[in-house]
Amino acid sequence: WERILEWDVALFKKINSDWANSVFDAVLPLLRNPYHWAPLYIFIIVFTLLNFKVRGLWWVVFFLATVALCDITGARFFKENIERIRPCNLPELADSLRLLVPCPSGFGFTSNHAANHFGMSVFFFITFRHLFKKWTWLIFTWPIMIGYAQVYVGVHFPGDIAGGALLGLIYGSFTGWVFNKQFGRLTRTSEQEAMA
């Protein structure tokens, strides 16, 4: 376990310092900000409601439930019990750490950013892959970029991101499976098909 933690810290230093560049310094702090992703969230919700009516409304409920489950479990169960200190709050990293955003006061494991975004992405993938086919895989670039940004700006270790990603994978898979089992595949309504 100690060896794994050593690798985690070493990888953090690589991402946060050794692989740093001016472009990432400008872009990644913005990328991790949830307000900059708000238009995507709104588009997904509006698109689903307009195209799938009542099923779309239930899809939104499950989508939001996925986020809530990831967020509550990460914050209340993992962070409050494991109490892993964030890299930006560790005195032994103070001399080498590049902190590009304000350092949060809470604990780091698991990353709620990673859990929430991976949960949303997995849920989206499971419920929409029959419509978007191979293009559905592109949804995972979203949480991967956000997870990388969290390490790059200095607020999470890679292990925090991996733990959050796993949590999101579990919840997103569960809610996606339940939605598909309960409501079936999302398809256009009969009225839309008649107009096509």
Protein backbone atom coordinates (compact mmCIF):
# COMPACT_ATOMS: atom_id res chain seq x y z
CA TRP A 1 0.00 0.00 0.00
CA GLU A 2 2.84 2.38 0.79
CA ARG A 3 4.38 1.67 -2.61
CA ILE A 4 1.09 2.52 -4.32
CA LEU A 5 0.93 5.82 -2.43
CA GLU A 6 4.52 6.57 -3.47
CA TRP A 7 3.62 5.97 -7.14
CA ASP A 8 0.56 8.17 -6.70
CA VAL A 9 2.64 11.07 -5.37
CA ALA A 10 5.28 10.57 -8.08
CA LEU A 11 2.64 10.67 -10.83
CA PHE A 12 1.11 13.75 -9.24
CA LYS A 13 4.47 15.54 -9.42
CA LYS A 14 4.87 14.55 -13.08
CA ILE A 15 1.45 15.93 -14.05
CA ASN A 16 1.51 18.99 -11.80
CA SER A 17 5.10 20.09 -12.46
CA ASP A 18 7.16 18.11 -14.98
CA TRP A 19 4.50 18.08 -17.72
CA ALA A 20 3.35 21.65 -17.16
CA ASN A 21 3.05 24.13 -20.01
CA SER A 22 1.60 27.59 -20.55
CA VAL A 23 -1.38 26.37 -22.60
CA PHE A 24 -2.53 23.94 -19.89
CA ASP A 25 -1.90 26.62 -17.26
CA ALA A 26 -4.45 28.83 -19.03
CA VAL A 27 -7.00 26.21 -20.08
CA LEU A 28 -7.19 23.54 -17.37
CA PRO A 29 -8.21 25.80 -14.46
CA LEU A 30 -11.18 26.87 -16.59
CA LEU A 31 -11.92 23.32 -17.72
CA ARG A 32 -12.49 22.03 -14.18
CA ASN A 33 -14.98 24.80 -13.35
CA PRO A 34 -18.53 23.32 -13.40
CA TYR A 35 -20.01 26.64 -14.54
CA HIS A 36 -18.18 26.34 -17.84
CA TRP A 37 -19.87 22.98 -18.42
CA ALA A 38 -23.37 24.30 -17.61
CA PRO A 39 -24.28 24.80 -21.31
CA LEU A 40 -23.51 21.11 -21.99
CA TYR A 41 -25.63 19.98 -19.03
CA ILE A 42 -28.52 22.19 -20.16
CA PHE A 43 -28.22 21.01 -23.77
CA ILE A 44 -28.31 17.32 -22.78
CA ILE A 45 -31.34 17.82 -20.54
CA VAL A 46 -33.28 19.94 -23.08
CA PHE A 47 -32.39 17.58 -25.94
CA THR A 48 -33.63 14.58 -23.97
CA LEU A 49 -36.86 16.26 -22.85
CA LEU A 50 -37.72 17.50 -26.34
CA ASN A 51 -36.98 14.23 -28.08
CA PHE A 52 -38.21 11.62 -25.61
CA LYS A 53 -41.09 13.32 -23.73
CA VAL A 54 -42.13 11.33 -20.63
CA ARG A 55 -39.23 8.88 -20.93
CA GLY A 56 -36.98 11.89 -21.31
CA LEU A 57 -38.29 13.33 -18.06
CA TRP A 58 -37.53 10.06 -16.28
CA TRP A 59 -34.11 10.04 -17.93
CA VAL A 60 -33.40 13.47 -16.40
CA VAL A 61 -34.53 12.19 -12.98
CA PHE A 62 -32.13 9.22 -13.22
CA PHE A 63 -29.36 11.47 -14.56
CA LEU A 64 -29.67 13.79 -11.57
CA ALA A 65 -29.99 10.83 -9.19
CA THR A 66 -26.70 9.47 -10.52
CA VAL A 67 -24.95 12.74 -9.70
CA ALA A 68 -26.55 12.87 -6.24
CA LEU A 69 -25.50 9.30 -5.41
CA CYS A 70 -21.91 9.92 -6.55
CA ASP A 71 -21.67 13.23 -4.74
CA ILE A 72 -23.14 12.10 -1.43
CA THR A 73 -21.17 8.85 -1.32
CA GLY A 74 -17.90 10.59 -2.20
CA ALA A 75 -18.34 13.43 0.29
CA ARG A 76 -20.05 11.68 3.19
CA PHE A 77 -18.66 8.16 3.06
CA PHE A 78 -15.19 8.26 1.53
CA LYS A 79 -13.90 11.74 2.35
CA GLU A 80 -15.18 11.78 5.92
CA ASN A 81 -13.87 8.29 6.70
CA ILE A 82 -10.61 8.05 4.76
CA GLU A 83 -9.57 11.69 5.39
CA ARG A 84 -6.82 11.83 2.78
CA ILE A 85 -5.24 15.26 2.74
CA ARG A 86 -5.17 17.07 -0.59
CA PRO A 87 -1.75 17.65 -2.17
CA CYS A 88 -2.18 21.42 -1.89
CA ASN A 89 -2.55 21.07 1.89
CA LEU A 90 0.50 18.85 2.43
CA PRO A 91 3.50 20.74 3.90
CA GLU A 92 5.98 18.28 2.35
CA LEU A 93 4.80 19.24 -1.15
CA ALA A 94 4.68 22.99 -0.54
CA ASP A 95 8.05 23.70 -2.16
CA SER A 96 7.38 21.85 -5.42
CA LEU A 97 3.60 22.13 -5.86
CA ARG A 98 2.12 24.40 -8.52
CA LEU A 99 -1.28 25.52 -7.23
CA LEU A 100 -3.31 27.17 -10.00
CA VAL A 101 -6.63 27.52 -8.15
CA PRO A 102 -7.60 28.13 -4.49
CA CYS A 103 -6.98 25.02 -2.41
CA PRO A 104 -10.21 23.49 -1.02
CA SER A 105 -10.26 22.85 2.71
CA GLY A 106 -11.85 19.39 2.61
CA PHE A 107 -10.29 15.98 2.11
CA GLY A 108 -9.33 14.60 -1.29
CA PHE A 109 -10.36 10.95 -1.63
CA THR A 110 -12.46 10.46 -3.59
CA SER A 111 -12.64 13.29 -6.10
CA ASN A 112 -16.28 14.35 -6.40
CA HIS A 113 -15.51 16.06 -9.71
CA ALA A 114 -14.34 12.71 -11.08
CA ALA A 115 -17.15 10.69 -9.48
CA ASN A 116 -19.90 13.00 -10.71
CA HIS A 117 -18.62 13.37 -14.27
CA PHE A 118 -17.75 9.71 -14.74
CA GLY A 119 -21.15 8.77 -13.27
CA MET A 120 -22.96 11.09 -15.70
CA SER A 121 -20.87 9.87 -18.63
CA VAL A 122 -21.39 6.17 -17.90
CA PHE A 123 -25.13 6.70 -17.45
CA PHE A 124 -25.26 8.63 -20.73
CA PHE A 125 -23.23 5.93 -22.50
CA ILE A 126 -25.46 3.09 -21.31
CA THR A 127 -28.73 4.84 -22.17
CA PHE A 128 -27.69 6.46 -25.47
CA ARG A 129 -25.20 4.05 -27.05
CA HIS A 130 -27.88 2.42 -29.24
CA LEU A 131 -28.58 5.83 -30.80
CA PHE A 132 -25.08 7.28 -31.20
CA LYS A 133 -23.27 3.95 -31.76
CA LYS A 134 -19.46 4.22 -31.70
CA TRP A 135 -19.62 8.01 -31.23
CA THR A 136 -20.98 7.49 -27.72
CA TRP A 137 -17.45 6.66 -26.54
CA LEU A 138 -16.53 10.33 -27.07
CA ILE A 139 -18.50 11.21 -23.93
CA PHE A 140 -15.60 9.84 -21.85
CA THR A 141 -13.22 12.56 -23.06
CA TRP A 142 -15.23 14.89 -20.83
CA PRO A 143 -14.56 13.27 -17.40
CA ILE A 144 -11.01 12.28 -18.38
CA MET A 145 -10.12 15.90 -19.15
CA ILE A 146 -11.73 17.12 -15.93
CA GLY A 147 -9.95 14.45 -13.88
CA TYR A 148 -6.60 15.34 -15.42
CA ALA A 149 -7.25 19.02 -14.77
CA GLN A 150 -7.92 18.35 -11.08
CA VAL A 151 -4.46 16.82 -10.73
CA TYR A 152 -2.78 19.43 -12.94
CA VAL A 153 -4.03 22.40 -10.90
CA GLY A 154 -2.81 20.78 -7.67
CA VAL A 155 -6.00 19.90 -5.75
CA HIS A 156 -6.10 16.09 -6.17
CA PHE A 157 -3.77 13.12 -6.41
CA PRO A 158 -4.27 10.74 -9.39
CA GLY A 159 -5.49 8.11 -6.90
CA ASP A 160 -8.30 10.46 -5.84
CA ILE A 161 -9.36 10.69 -9.48
CA ALA A 162 -9.16 6.93 -9.99
CA GLY A 163 -11.30 6.34 -6.90
CA GLY A 164 -13.85 8.88 -8.06
CA ALA A 165 -13.91 7.39 -11.55
CA LEU A 166 -14.57 3.93 -10.12
CA LEU A 167 -17.36 5.27 -7.93
CA GLY A 168 -18.93 7.00 -10.94
CA LEU A 169 -18.57 3.82 -13.02
CA ILE A 170 -20.43 1.80 -10.39
CA TYR A 171 -23.29 4.25 -9.89
CA GLY A 172 -23.60 5.20 -13.56
CA SER A 173 -23.72 1.52 -14.55
CA PHE A 174 -26.34 0.80 -11.90
CA THR A 175 -28.66 3.71 -12.71
CA GLY A 176 -28.22 3.13 -16.46
CA TRP A 177 -29.10 -0.55 -16.08
CA VAL A 178 -32.15 0.24 -13.92
CA PHE A 179 -33.34 2.92 -16.37
CA ASN A 180 -33.02 0.63 -19.40
CA LYS A 181 -34.73 -2.23 -17.58
CA GLN A 182 -37.58 -0.05 -16.35
CA PHE A 183 -38.18 2.17 -19.40
CA GLY A 184 -36.50 0.34 -22.29
CA ARG A 185 -34.39 1.99 -24.92
CA LEU A 186 -34.94 5.64 -25.67
CA THR A 187 -36.75 5.91 -29.00
CA ARG A 188 -38.67 8.60 -30.77
CA THR A 189 -42.32 8.92 -29.84
CA SER A 190 -44.99 7.64 -32.21
CA GLU A 191 -45.97 11.23 -33.02
CA GLN A 192 -42.41 12.03 -34.09
CA GLU A 193 -42.23 8.86 -36.18
CA ALA A 194 -45.50 9.75 -37.91
CA MET A 195 -44.16 13.18 -38.83
CA ALA A 196 -40.85 11.78 -40.14
